[in-house]
């Protein structure tokens, strides 16, 4: 069944306007909302006002990561070509994440360790790529404007990712309140990074989109 067109909709540019947000930016926004909300709720979880299932939280994180891997080939350790191996890797990650969400306690330790490794080792790998790749920070810092903002945003996200990964692997090294603040900073960092990428894509459109 089709949808009938209405004349008033055709004359309304707002109704016809489409978002120019890229899939990468949308996923970053989802990550930002996830981390920000988790950080805010963790204050009340710490006081016992809200129930908390760590497995489900880690599982949901893995599902979001898997979506990024499958759709764009972007892994926590860097970008890869979307081969079948990468897609299978993403699907397997999603299955593990969903299992952790659906059956709390089944994969408690393995999922926690996996998420900790993805955050810490992934953040370290991305930070190294940022500074050692000739087409990233080395180039971006030479150009005033949004590319410098992009460099700062990447540094914030990657460094906080490393710290949160260590907190996940070694839960006793900090308090829940500090972890909550780190999560909020992480979420804001994702929003900042998403804004930078969106603006950079507008100023420097990828080849083939001009």
N, C-alpha and C. Protein backbone atom coordinates (compact mmCIF):
# COMPACT_ATOMS: atom_id res chain seq x y z
N UNK A 1 0.84 -1.19 0.00
CA UNK A 1 0.00 0.00 0.00
C UNK A 1 0.88 1.24 0.00
N UNK A 2 0.53 2.20 -0.83
CA UNK A 2 1.30 3.42 -0.90
C UNK A 2 0.70 4.49 -0.02
N UNK A 3 1.45 5.57 0.10
CA UNK A 3 0.97 6.70 0.88
C UNK A 3 0.63 7.83 -0.07
N UNK A 4 -0.55 8.42 0.11
CA UNK A 4 -0.98 9.51 -0.76
C UNK A 4 -0.21 10.77 -0.42
N UNK A 5 0.12 11.53 -1.44
CA UNK A 5 0.82 12.78 -1.23
C UNK A 5 -0.18 13.89 -1.02
N UNK A 6 0.14 14.81 -0.14
CA UNK A 6 -0.74 15.94 0.13
C UNK A 6 -0.06 17.21 -0.36
N UNK A 7 -0.78 18.08 -1.02
CA UNK A 7 -0.19 19.30 -1.57
C UNK A 7 0.52 20.13 -0.52
N UNK A 8 -0.06 20.19 0.70
CA UNK A 8 0.55 21.03 1.71
C UNK A 8 1.91 20.50 2.14
N UNK A 9 2.12 19.18 2.03
CA UNK A 9 3.41 18.61 2.39
C UNK A 9 4.47 19.00 1.37
N UNK A 10 4.08 19.08 0.11
CA UNK A 10 5.04 19.43 -0.93
C UNK A 10 5.51 20.86 -0.79
N UNK A 11 4.66 21.72 -0.27
CA UNK A 11 5.02 23.13 -0.17
C UNK A 11 5.73 23.45 1.14
N UNK A 12 5.86 22.47 2.01
CA UNK A 12 6.49 22.70 3.30
C UNK A 12 7.92 22.17 3.27
N UNK A 13 8.93 23.06 3.17
CA UNK A 13 10.31 22.60 3.09
C UNK A 13 10.77 21.90 4.35
N UNK A 14 10.18 22.27 5.50
CA UNK A 14 10.58 21.63 6.75
C UNK A 14 10.16 20.16 6.76
N UNK A 15 8.94 19.91 6.24
CA UNK A 15 8.44 18.53 6.21
C UNK A 15 9.26 17.66 5.27
N UNK A 16 9.78 18.29 4.19
CA UNK A 16 10.53 17.52 3.20
C UNK A 16 12.02 17.43 3.52
N UNK A 17 12.46 18.22 4.50
CA UNK A 17 13.89 18.26 4.80
C UNK A 17 14.36 16.92 5.36
N UNK A 18 15.52 16.48 4.90
CA UNK A 18 16.10 15.24 5.39
C UNK A 18 17.37 15.55 6.16
N UNK A 19 17.63 14.75 7.16
CA UNK A 19 18.84 14.93 7.94
C UNK A 19 20.06 14.57 7.11
N UNK A 20 21.11 15.37 7.22
CA UNK A 20 22.34 15.06 6.50
C UNK A 20 23.36 14.40 7.42
N UNK A 21 22.89 13.91 8.56
CA UNK A 21 23.80 13.22 9.48
C UNK A 21 24.24 11.90 8.87
N UNK A 22 25.54 11.66 8.89
CA UNK A 22 26.06 10.40 8.39
C UNK A 22 25.80 9.30 9.41
N UNK A 23 25.90 8.05 8.96
CA UNK A 23 25.68 6.93 9.86
C UNK A 23 26.71 6.94 10.99
N UNK A 24 27.93 7.31 10.67
CA UNK A 24 28.98 7.38 11.69
C UNK A 24 28.61 8.36 12.79
N UNK A 25 28.10 9.52 12.40
CA UNK A 25 27.72 10.54 13.37
C UNK A 25 26.55 10.05 14.23
N UNK A 26 25.59 9.40 13.60
CA UNK A 26 24.43 8.89 14.34
C UNK A 26 24.86 7.87 15.39
N UNK A 27 25.76 6.96 15.01
CA UNK A 27 26.23 5.95 15.97
C UNK A 27 27.00 6.61 17.11
N UNK A 28 27.79 7.62 16.79
CA UNK A 28 28.51 8.34 17.85
C UNK A 28 27.53 9.02 18.80
N UNK A 29 26.45 9.56 18.27
CA UNK A 29 25.44 10.18 19.12
C UNK A 29 24.78 9.14 20.03
N UNK A 30 24.55 7.95 19.48
CA UNK A 30 23.97 6.86 20.29
C UNK A 30 24.93 6.49 21.42
N UNK A 31 26.22 6.37 21.09
CA UNK A 31 27.23 6.10 22.12
C UNK A 31 27.22 7.20 23.17
N UNK A 32 27.11 8.45 22.72
CA UNK A 32 27.10 9.57 23.65
C UNK A 32 25.92 9.52 24.60
N UNK A 33 24.74 9.24 24.06
CA UNK A 33 23.55 9.13 24.90
C UNK A 33 23.70 7.98 25.89
N UNK A 34 24.21 6.85 25.40
CA UNK A 34 24.40 5.67 26.26
C UNK A 34 25.31 5.99 27.44
N UNK A 35 26.47 6.58 27.15
CA UNK A 35 27.44 6.86 28.20
C UNK A 35 26.95 7.95 29.15
N UNK A 36 26.34 8.99 28.59
CA UNK A 36 25.85 10.08 29.43
C UNK A 36 24.74 9.59 30.36
N UNK A 37 23.81 8.83 29.82
CA UNK A 37 22.71 8.31 30.63
C UNK A 37 23.22 7.35 31.70
N UNK A 38 24.15 6.49 31.31
CA UNK A 38 24.74 5.55 32.27
C UNK A 38 25.43 6.30 33.40
N UNK A 39 26.18 7.34 33.04
CA UNK A 39 26.88 8.12 34.06
C UNK A 39 25.93 8.80 35.02
N UNK A 40 24.86 9.37 34.49
CA UNK A 40 23.89 10.06 35.35
C UNK A 40 23.16 9.06 36.27
N UNK A 41 22.79 7.91 35.71
CA UNK A 41 22.07 6.92 36.50
C UNK A 41 22.97 6.25 37.54
N UNK A 42 24.27 6.21 37.26
CA UNK A 42 25.18 5.52 38.17
C UNK A 42 25.21 6.17 39.55
N UNK A 43 24.95 7.47 39.62
CA UNK A 43 24.90 8.12 40.93
C UNK A 43 23.79 7.52 41.79
N UNK A 44 22.64 7.26 41.18
CA UNK A 44 21.52 6.69 41.92
C UNK A 44 21.68 5.18 42.11
N UNK A 45 22.36 4.55 41.15
CA UNK A 45 22.65 3.12 41.32
C UNK A 45 23.57 2.92 42.52
N UNK A 46 24.53 3.83 42.67
CA UNK A 46 25.50 3.74 43.77
C UNK A 46 24.82 3.82 45.13
N UNK A 47 23.76 4.62 45.22
CA UNK A 47 23.05 4.77 46.49
C UNK A 47 22.03 3.67 46.73
N UNK A 48 21.84 2.81 45.73
CA UNK A 48 20.89 1.71 45.88
C UNK A 48 19.47 2.07 45.49
N UNK A 49 19.27 3.28 44.95
CA UNK A 49 17.93 3.71 44.56
C UNK A 49 17.45 2.99 43.31
N UNK A 50 18.38 2.58 42.46
CA UNK A 50 18.02 1.92 41.21
C UNK A 50 18.71 0.55 41.13
N UNK A 51 18.02 -0.43 40.56
CA UNK A 51 18.66 -1.74 40.35
C UNK A 51 19.66 -1.65 39.21
N UNK A 52 20.61 -2.55 39.20
CA UNK A 52 21.65 -2.49 38.18
C UNK A 52 22.11 -3.89 37.80
N UNK A 53 22.15 -4.16 36.50
CA UNK A 53 22.64 -5.44 35.99
C UNK A 53 23.84 -5.15 35.08
N UNK A 54 25.05 -5.28 35.60
CA UNK A 54 26.25 -4.97 34.79
C UNK A 54 26.29 -5.74 33.48
N UNK A 55 25.86 -7.01 33.51
CA UNK A 55 25.90 -7.83 32.29
C UNK A 55 25.10 -7.17 31.17
N UNK A 56 23.93 -6.68 31.50
CA UNK A 56 23.07 -6.07 30.49
C UNK A 56 23.70 -4.80 29.93
N UNK A 57 24.35 -4.03 30.81
CA UNK A 57 25.02 -2.81 30.37
C UNK A 57 26.15 -3.14 29.41
N UNK A 58 26.99 -4.09 29.80
CA UNK A 58 28.09 -4.50 28.92
C UNK A 58 27.55 -5.09 27.62
N UNK A 59 26.48 -5.86 27.73
CA UNK A 59 25.90 -6.48 26.55
C UNK A 59 25.37 -5.46 25.57
N UNK A 60 24.69 -4.44 26.08
CA UNK A 60 24.16 -3.40 25.21
C UNK A 60 25.30 -2.64 24.53
N UNK A 61 26.36 -2.40 25.27
CA UNK A 61 27.53 -1.74 24.69
C UNK A 61 28.09 -2.57 23.53
N UNK A 62 28.18 -3.88 23.71
CA UNK A 62 28.70 -4.74 22.66
C UNK A 62 27.79 -4.74 21.44
N UNK A 63 26.49 -4.67 21.66
CA UNK A 63 25.55 -4.64 20.54
C UNK A 63 25.76 -3.37 19.71
N UNK A 64 25.94 -2.24 20.38
CA UNK A 64 26.18 -0.99 19.65
C UNK A 64 27.51 -1.06 18.90
N UNK A 65 28.52 -1.61 19.54
CA UNK A 65 29.82 -1.77 18.88
C UNK A 65 29.68 -2.66 17.65
N UNK A 66 28.93 -3.74 17.78
CA UNK A 66 28.76 -4.67 16.66
C UNK A 66 28.06 -4.00 15.48
N UNK A 67 27.11 -3.13 15.78
CA UNK A 67 26.40 -2.41 14.71
C UNK A 67 27.38 -1.54 13.93
N UNK A 68 28.30 -0.91 14.65
CA UNK A 68 29.31 -0.07 14.00
C UNK A 68 30.25 -0.92 13.15
N UNK A 69 30.59 -2.10 13.64
CA UNK A 69 31.49 -2.99 12.90
C UNK A 69 30.83 -3.48 11.62
N UNK A 70 29.59 -3.94 11.74
CA UNK A 70 28.89 -4.54 10.59
C UNK A 70 28.58 -3.50 9.52
N UNK A 71 28.12 -2.33 9.93
CA UNK A 71 27.67 -1.34 8.95
C UNK A 71 28.80 -0.55 8.31
N UNK A 72 29.88 -0.31 9.06
CA UNK A 72 30.93 0.56 8.53
C UNK A 72 32.33 -0.04 8.57
N UNK A 73 32.49 -1.19 9.21
CA UNK A 73 33.81 -1.77 9.32
C UNK A 73 34.69 -1.05 10.33
N UNK A 74 34.06 -0.28 11.21
CA UNK A 74 34.81 0.46 12.23
C UNK A 74 34.84 -0.37 13.52
N UNK A 75 36.02 -0.83 13.88
CA UNK A 75 36.18 -1.63 15.09
C UNK A 75 36.76 -0.75 16.19
N UNK A 76 36.74 -1.22 17.43
CA UNK A 76 37.36 -0.44 18.52
C UNK A 76 38.86 -0.24 18.33
N UNK A 77 39.47 -0.98 17.40
CA UNK A 77 40.91 -0.88 17.18
C UNK A 77 41.26 -0.15 15.90
N UNK A 78 40.26 0.30 15.16
CA UNK A 78 40.53 1.02 13.93
C UNK A 78 39.60 0.57 12.81
N UNK A 79 39.74 1.21 11.66
CA UNK A 79 38.88 0.93 10.52
C UNK A 79 39.40 -0.27 9.72
N UNK A 80 38.47 -1.12 9.31
CA UNK A 80 38.79 -2.27 8.47
C UNK A 80 37.85 -2.30 7.27
N UNK A 81 38.30 -2.96 6.21
CA UNK A 81 37.42 -3.15 5.06
C UNK A 81 36.28 -4.08 5.45
N UNK A 82 35.08 -3.77 4.98
CA UNK A 82 33.91 -4.57 5.36
C UNK A 82 33.90 -5.91 4.63
N UNK A 83 34.84 -6.76 4.99
CA UNK A 83 34.89 -8.11 4.43
C UNK A 83 33.91 -9.00 5.18
N UNK A 84 33.73 -10.22 4.66
CA UNK A 84 32.85 -11.15 5.35
C UNK A 84 33.37 -11.50 6.73
N UNK A 85 34.69 -11.55 6.87
CA UNK A 85 35.27 -11.85 8.17
C UNK A 85 34.92 -10.77 9.19
N UNK A 86 34.96 -9.52 8.76
CA UNK A 86 34.62 -8.41 9.65
C UNK A 86 33.14 -8.46 10.01
N UNK A 87 32.31 -8.75 9.02
CA UNK A 87 30.86 -8.83 9.28
C UNK A 87 30.55 -9.96 10.26
N UNK A 88 31.19 -11.11 10.06
CA UNK A 88 30.99 -12.24 10.98
C UNK A 88 31.46 -11.86 12.38
N UNK A 89 32.58 -11.16 12.47
CA UNK A 89 33.09 -10.70 13.76
C UNK A 89 32.06 -9.81 14.45
N UNK A 90 31.47 -8.90 13.67
CA UNK A 90 30.45 -8.01 14.23
C UNK A 90 29.22 -8.76 14.70
N UNK A 91 28.79 -9.73 13.91
CA UNK A 91 27.61 -10.52 14.28
C UNK A 91 27.89 -11.33 15.55
N UNK A 92 29.07 -11.92 15.64
CA UNK A 92 29.42 -12.69 16.84
C UNK A 92 29.45 -11.78 18.07
N UNK A 93 29.96 -10.58 17.89
CA UNK A 93 29.97 -9.62 19.00
C UNK A 93 28.55 -9.29 19.43
N UNK A 94 27.66 -9.14 18.45
CA UNK A 94 26.26 -8.85 18.77
C UNK A 94 25.61 -10.00 19.51
N UNK A 95 25.91 -11.22 19.10
CA UNK A 95 25.33 -12.40 19.75
C UNK A 95 25.77 -12.47 21.21
N UNK A 96 27.06 -12.23 21.44
CA UNK A 96 27.56 -12.24 22.82
C UNK A 96 26.88 -11.15 23.64
N UNK A 97 26.75 -9.97 23.05
CA UNK A 97 26.11 -8.87 23.75
C UNK A 97 24.65 -9.16 24.07
N UNK A 98 23.93 -9.71 23.11
CA UNK A 98 22.52 -10.01 23.34
C UNK A 98 22.35 -11.11 24.37
N UNK A 99 23.23 -12.10 24.33
CA UNK A 99 23.16 -13.18 25.33
C UNK A 99 23.37 -12.62 26.73
N UNK A 100 24.31 -11.67 26.85
CA UNK A 100 24.55 -11.05 28.16
C UNK A 100 23.35 -10.24 28.62
N UNK A 101 22.66 -9.61 27.67
CA UNK A 101 21.46 -8.83 28.02
C UNK A 101 20.31 -9.73 28.44
N UNK A 102 20.10 -10.80 27.68
CA UNK A 102 18.94 -11.66 27.91
C UNK A 102 19.09 -12.56 29.13
N UNK A 103 20.33 -13.01 29.39
CA UNK A 103 20.54 -13.96 30.48
C UNK A 103 21.62 -13.42 31.42
N UNK A 104 21.27 -12.49 32.29
CA UNK A 104 22.27 -11.94 33.23
C UNK A 104 22.92 -13.05 34.06
N UNK A 105 24.23 -12.96 34.18
CA UNK A 105 24.97 -13.94 34.96
C UNK A 105 25.61 -15.02 34.13
N UNK A 106 25.11 -15.23 32.91
CA UNK A 106 25.64 -16.30 32.06
C UNK A 106 27.07 -16.01 31.62
N UNK A 107 27.33 -14.76 31.24
CA UNK A 107 28.66 -14.39 30.73
C UNK A 107 29.25 -13.22 31.51
N UNK A 108 28.97 -13.19 32.80
CA UNK A 108 29.34 -12.03 33.61
C UNK A 108 30.82 -11.65 33.49
N UNK A 109 31.71 -12.55 33.83
CA UNK A 109 33.13 -12.24 33.81
C UNK A 109 33.68 -12.10 32.39
N UNK A 110 33.38 -13.03 31.47
CA UNK A 110 33.91 -12.88 30.11
C UNK A 110 33.50 -11.57 29.44
N UNK A 111 32.24 -11.17 29.64
CA UNK A 111 31.77 -9.93 29.00
C UNK A 111 32.45 -8.72 29.62
N UNK A 112 32.60 -8.72 30.92
CA UNK A 112 33.28 -7.59 31.58
C UNK A 112 34.72 -7.46 31.09
N UNK A 113 35.41 -8.58 31.00
CA UNK A 113 36.80 -8.55 30.54
C UNK A 113 36.87 -8.13 29.08
N UNK A 114 35.95 -8.63 28.26
CA UNK A 114 35.93 -8.27 26.84
C UNK A 114 35.72 -6.77 26.66
N UNK A 115 34.74 -6.22 27.37
CA UNK A 115 34.47 -4.79 27.27
C UNK A 115 35.67 -3.98 27.77
N UNK A 116 36.28 -4.43 28.86
CA UNK A 116 37.45 -3.74 29.38
C UNK A 116 38.59 -3.70 28.39
N UNK A 117 38.81 -4.83 27.71
CA UNK A 117 39.88 -4.89 26.70
C UNK A 117 39.56 -4.01 25.50
N UNK A 118 38.31 -4.06 25.05
CA UNK A 118 37.91 -3.23 23.91
C UNK A 118 38.10 -1.75 24.21
N UNK A 119 37.73 -1.34 25.42
CA UNK A 119 37.85 0.07 25.78
C UNK A 119 39.31 0.49 25.95
N UNK A 120 40.06 -0.25 26.74
CA UNK A 120 41.43 0.15 27.05
C UNK A 120 42.38 -0.06 25.87
N UNK A 121 42.43 -1.28 25.36
CA UNK A 121 43.33 -1.57 24.24
C UNK A 121 42.88 -0.84 22.98
N UNK A 122 41.56 -0.79 22.77
CA UNK A 122 41.05 -0.07 21.60
C UNK A 122 41.36 1.41 21.66
N UNK A 123 41.16 2.01 22.84
CA UNK A 123 41.48 3.43 22.99
C UNK A 123 42.95 3.71 22.77
N UNK A 124 43.81 2.82 23.29
CA UNK A 124 45.26 3.00 23.11
C UNK A 124 45.64 2.87 21.63
N UNK A 125 45.04 1.90 20.95
CA UNK A 125 45.35 1.70 19.53
C UNK A 125 44.91 2.90 18.69
N UNK A 126 43.72 3.41 18.97
CA UNK A 126 43.22 4.56 18.22
C UNK A 126 44.03 5.82 18.52
N UNK A 127 44.47 5.96 19.77
CA UNK A 127 45.28 7.12 20.14
C UNK A 127 46.62 7.07 19.42
N UNK A 128 47.20 5.88 19.34
CA UNK A 128 48.48 5.71 18.64
C UNK A 128 48.31 6.03 17.15
N UNK A 129 47.23 5.53 16.56
CA UNK A 129 46.97 5.81 15.14
C UNK A 129 46.77 7.30 14.91
N UNK A 130 46.12 7.96 15.86
CA UNK A 130 45.86 9.39 15.72
C UNK A 130 47.15 10.18 15.58
N UNK A 131 48.14 9.83 16.39
CA UNK A 131 49.38 10.60 16.41
C UNK A 131 50.43 10.11 15.42
N UNK A 132 50.40 8.84 15.08
CA UNK A 132 51.44 8.30 14.21
C UNK A 132 51.04 8.26 12.73
N UNK A 133 49.75 8.33 12.44
CA UNK A 133 49.32 8.35 11.04
C UNK A 133 49.57 9.74 10.45
N UNK A 134 50.12 9.76 9.26
CA UNK A 134 50.45 11.05 8.65
C UNK A 134 49.23 11.83 8.20
N UNK A 135 48.10 11.14 8.01
CA UNK A 135 46.91 11.83 7.52
C UNK A 135 45.91 12.15 8.63
N UNK A 136 46.36 12.08 9.87
CA UNK A 136 45.45 12.40 10.98
C UNK A 136 45.97 13.60 11.75
N UNK A 137 46.30 13.44 13.02
CA UNK A 137 46.66 14.59 13.86
C UNK A 137 47.81 15.41 13.29
N UNK A 138 48.80 14.75 12.71
CA UNK A 138 49.93 15.48 12.15
C UNK A 138 49.48 16.48 11.09
N UNK A 139 48.50 16.08 10.31
CA UNK A 139 47.97 16.95 9.26
C UNK A 139 46.92 17.90 9.82
N UNK A 140 46.02 17.38 10.65
CA UNK A 140 44.91 18.18 11.16
C UNK A 140 45.39 19.39 11.96
N UNK A 141 46.44 19.21 12.76
CA UNK A 141 46.91 20.30 13.62
C UNK A 141 47.53 21.44 12.82
N UNK A 142 47.87 21.18 11.57
CA UNK A 142 48.44 22.23 10.72
C UNK A 142 47.37 23.13 10.13
N UNK A 143 46.12 22.67 10.21
CA UNK A 143 45.02 23.41 9.59
C UNK A 143 44.13 24.00 10.68
N UNK A 144 44.06 25.31 10.80
CA UNK A 144 43.21 25.91 11.84
C UNK A 144 41.73 25.63 11.59
N UNK A 145 40.98 25.59 12.67
CA UNK A 145 39.54 25.39 12.53
C UNK A 145 39.08 24.04 13.04
N UNK A 146 38.14 23.47 12.33
CA UNK A 146 37.44 22.28 12.82
C UNK A 146 38.35 21.07 12.95
N UNK A 147 39.39 20.97 12.13
CA UNK A 147 40.26 19.80 12.21
C UNK A 147 41.05 19.78 13.51
N UNK A 148 41.34 20.94 14.04
CA UNK A 148 42.00 20.98 15.36
C UNK A 148 41.01 20.56 16.44
N UNK A 149 39.77 21.00 16.30
CA UNK A 149 38.73 20.55 17.23
C UNK A 149 38.59 19.03 17.15
N UNK A 150 38.65 18.50 15.94
CA UNK A 150 38.52 17.05 15.75
C UNK A 150 39.64 16.30 16.46
N UNK A 151 40.84 16.85 16.40
CA UNK A 151 41.98 16.23 17.09
C UNK A 151 41.75 16.21 18.60
N UNK A 152 41.30 17.33 19.14
CA UNK A 152 41.04 17.42 20.58
C UNK A 152 39.93 16.45 20.98
N UNK A 153 38.87 16.39 20.18
CA UNK A 153 37.75 15.49 20.48
C UNK A 153 38.21 14.03 20.49
N UNK A 154 39.02 13.66 19.52
CA UNK A 154 39.54 12.29 19.46
C UNK A 154 40.38 11.97 20.69
N UNK A 155 41.24 12.91 21.08
CA UNK A 155 42.10 12.69 22.25
C UNK A 155 41.25 12.47 23.49
N UNK A 156 40.23 13.30 23.67
CA UNK A 156 39.36 13.17 24.85
C UNK A 156 38.70 11.80 24.88
N UNK A 157 38.10 11.41 23.76
CA UNK A 157 37.38 10.13 23.70
C UNK A 157 38.32 8.95 23.91
N UNK A 158 39.48 8.98 23.26
CA UNK A 158 40.40 7.85 23.35
C UNK A 158 41.02 7.73 24.75
N UNK A 159 41.40 8.85 25.34
CA UNK A 159 42.01 8.80 26.68
C UNK A 159 41.00 8.33 27.72
N UNK A 160 39.79 8.87 27.67
CA UNK A 160 38.76 8.44 28.62
C UNK A 160 38.41 6.98 28.40
N UNK A 161 38.43 6.55 27.15
CA UNK A 161 38.17 5.14 26.84
C UNK A 161 39.20 4.24 27.52
N UNK A 162 40.46 4.63 27.46
CA UNK A 162 41.52 3.85 28.11
C UNK A 162 41.27 3.77 29.62
N UNK A 163 40.96 4.91 30.21
CA UNK A 163 40.73 4.95 31.66
C UNK A 163 39.53 4.09 32.05
N UNK A 164 38.44 4.22 31.32
CA UNK A 164 37.24 3.43 31.63
C UNK A 164 37.49 1.94 31.39
N UNK A 165 38.32 1.62 30.42
CA UNK A 165 38.67 0.22 30.20
C UNK A 165 39.40 -0.36 31.39
N UNK A 166 40.32 0.42 31.94
CA UNK A 166 41.05 -0.04 33.13
C UNK A 166 40.12 -0.16 34.33
N UNK A 167 39.18 0.78 34.44
CA UNK A 167 38.20 0.72 35.53
C UNK A 167 37.34 -0.53 35.40
N UNK A 168 37.00 -0.88 34.16
CA UNK A 168 36.18 -2.07 33.92
C UNK A 168 36.95 -3.35 34.25
N UNK A 169 38.22 -3.37 33.89
CA UNK A 169 39.05 -4.54 34.17
C UNK A 169 39.41 -4.66 35.65
N UNK A 170 39.57 -3.50 36.29
CA UNK A 170 39.97 -3.46 37.70
C UNK A 170 38.97 -2.60 38.47
N UNK A 171 37.78 -3.12 38.74
CA UNK A 171 36.70 -2.32 39.34
C UNK A 171 37.06 -1.63 40.65
N UNK A 172 37.99 -2.17 41.40
CA UNK A 172 38.29 -1.61 42.71
C UNK A 172 39.22 -0.42 42.70
N UNK A 173 39.69 0.01 41.53
CA UNK A 173 40.69 1.08 41.51
C UNK A 173 40.07 2.47 41.67
N UNK A 174 38.76 2.58 41.62
CA UNK A 174 38.12 3.88 41.78
C UNK A 174 36.72 3.70 42.37
N UNK A 175 36.07 4.80 42.66
CA UNK A 175 34.72 4.75 43.24
C UNK A 175 33.66 4.88 42.15
N UNK A 176 32.45 4.53 42.49
CA UNK A 176 31.35 4.66 41.53
C UNK A 176 31.13 6.11 41.13
N UNK A 177 31.32 7.03 42.06
CA UNK A 177 31.11 8.45 41.75
C UNK A 177 32.11 8.94 40.72
N UNK A 178 33.36 8.53 40.87
CA UNK A 178 34.38 8.92 39.89
C UNK A 178 34.08 8.28 38.54
N UNK A 179 33.67 7.03 38.57
CA UNK A 179 33.31 6.34 37.32
C UNK A 179 32.15 7.05 36.63
N UNK A 180 31.18 7.50 37.41
CA UNK A 180 30.04 8.22 36.84
C UNK A 180 30.48 9.50 36.15
N UNK A 181 31.39 10.22 36.78
CA UNK A 181 31.90 11.46 36.18
C UNK A 181 32.65 11.15 34.88
N UNK A 182 33.45 10.09 34.90
CA UNK A 182 34.17 9.69 33.69
C UNK A 182 33.21 9.33 32.56
N UNK A 183 32.13 8.64 32.90
CA UNK A 183 31.14 8.27 31.89
C UNK A 183 30.46 9.50 31.30
N UNK A 184 30.18 10.48 32.15
CA UNK A 184 29.56 11.71 31.66
C UNK A 184 30.51 12.45 30.72
N UNK A 185 31.78 12.52 31.11
CA UNK A 185 32.79 13.15 30.25
C UNK A 185 32.90 12.39 28.93
N UNK A 186 32.86 11.07 29.03
CA UNK A 186 32.93 10.22 27.84
C UNK A 186 31.75 10.50 26.90
N UNK A 187 30.56 10.59 27.48
CA UNK A 187 29.38 10.88 26.68
C UNK A 187 29.47 12.23 26.00
N UNK A 188 29.87 13.25 26.75
CA UNK A 188 30.02 14.59 26.18
C UNK A 188 31.10 14.57 25.10
N UNK A 189 32.15 13.78 25.33
CA UNK A 189 33.21 13.66 24.33
C UNK A 189 32.69 13.08 23.02
N UNK A 190 31.79 12.11 23.11
CA UNK A 190 31.19 11.54 21.89
C UNK A 190 30.35 12.59 21.16
N UNK A 191 29.61 13.40 21.90
CA UNK A 191 28.83 14.46 21.26
C UNK A 191 29.75 15.45 20.55
N UNK A 192 30.83 15.81 21.22
CA UNK A 192 31.81 16.74 20.66
C UNK A 192 32.43 16.14 19.39
N UNK A 193 32.79 14.87 19.46
CA UNK A 193 33.39 14.20 18.30
C UNK A 193 32.40 14.11 17.14
N UNK A 194 31.14 13.81 17.45
CA UNK A 194 30.12 13.73 16.41
C UNK A 194 29.94 15.08 15.72
N UNK A 195 29.93 16.15 16.52
CA UNK A 195 29.80 17.50 15.95
C UNK A 195 30.99 17.82 15.05
N UNK A 196 32.18 17.47 15.50
CA UNK A 196 33.39 17.75 14.72
C UNK A 196 33.36 17.01 13.39
N UNK A 197 33.00 15.73 13.43
CA UNK A 197 32.97 14.93 12.20
C UNK A 197 31.92 15.46 11.24
N UNK A 198 30.75 15.81 11.78
CA UNK A 198 29.69 16.34 10.93
C UNK A 198 30.11 17.64 10.25
N UNK A 199 30.72 18.52 11.02
CA UNK A 199 31.15 19.80 10.44
C UNK A 199 32.30 19.60 9.47
N UNK A 200 33.22 18.70 9.81
CA UNK A 200 34.36 18.43 8.91
C UNK A 200 33.87 17.84 7.59
N UNK A 201 32.86 16.97 7.66
CA UNK A 201 32.32 16.38 6.43
C UNK A 201 31.66 17.43 5.55
N UNK A 202 31.10 18.45 6.16
CA UNK A 202 30.50 19.52 5.37
C UNK A 202 31.56 20.40 4.72
N UNK A 203 32.63 20.67 5.47
CA UNK A 203 33.69 21.53 4.93
C UNK A 203 34.60 20.78 3.97
N UNK A 204 34.82 19.50 4.25
CA UNK A 204 35.70 18.68 3.42
C UNK A 204 34.95 17.41 3.01
N UNK A 205 34.00 17.52 2.08
CA UNK A 205 33.19 16.35 1.70
C UNK A 205 34.07 15.22 1.19
N UNK A 206 33.74 13.98 1.57
CA UNK A 206 34.49 12.82 1.06
C UNK A 206 34.42 12.77 -0.46
N UNK A 207 35.43 12.20 -1.07
CA UNK A 207 35.45 12.10 -2.53
C UNK A 207 34.25 11.32 -3.03
N UNK A 208 33.66 11.84 -4.09
CA UNK A 208 32.51 11.17 -4.68
C UNK A 208 31.18 11.70 -4.19
N UNK A 209 31.22 12.60 -3.17
CA UNK A 209 29.97 13.16 -2.66
C UNK A 209 29.80 14.62 -3.04
N UNK A 210 30.81 15.18 -3.67
CA UNK A 210 30.73 16.59 -4.05
C UNK A 210 29.85 16.76 -5.28
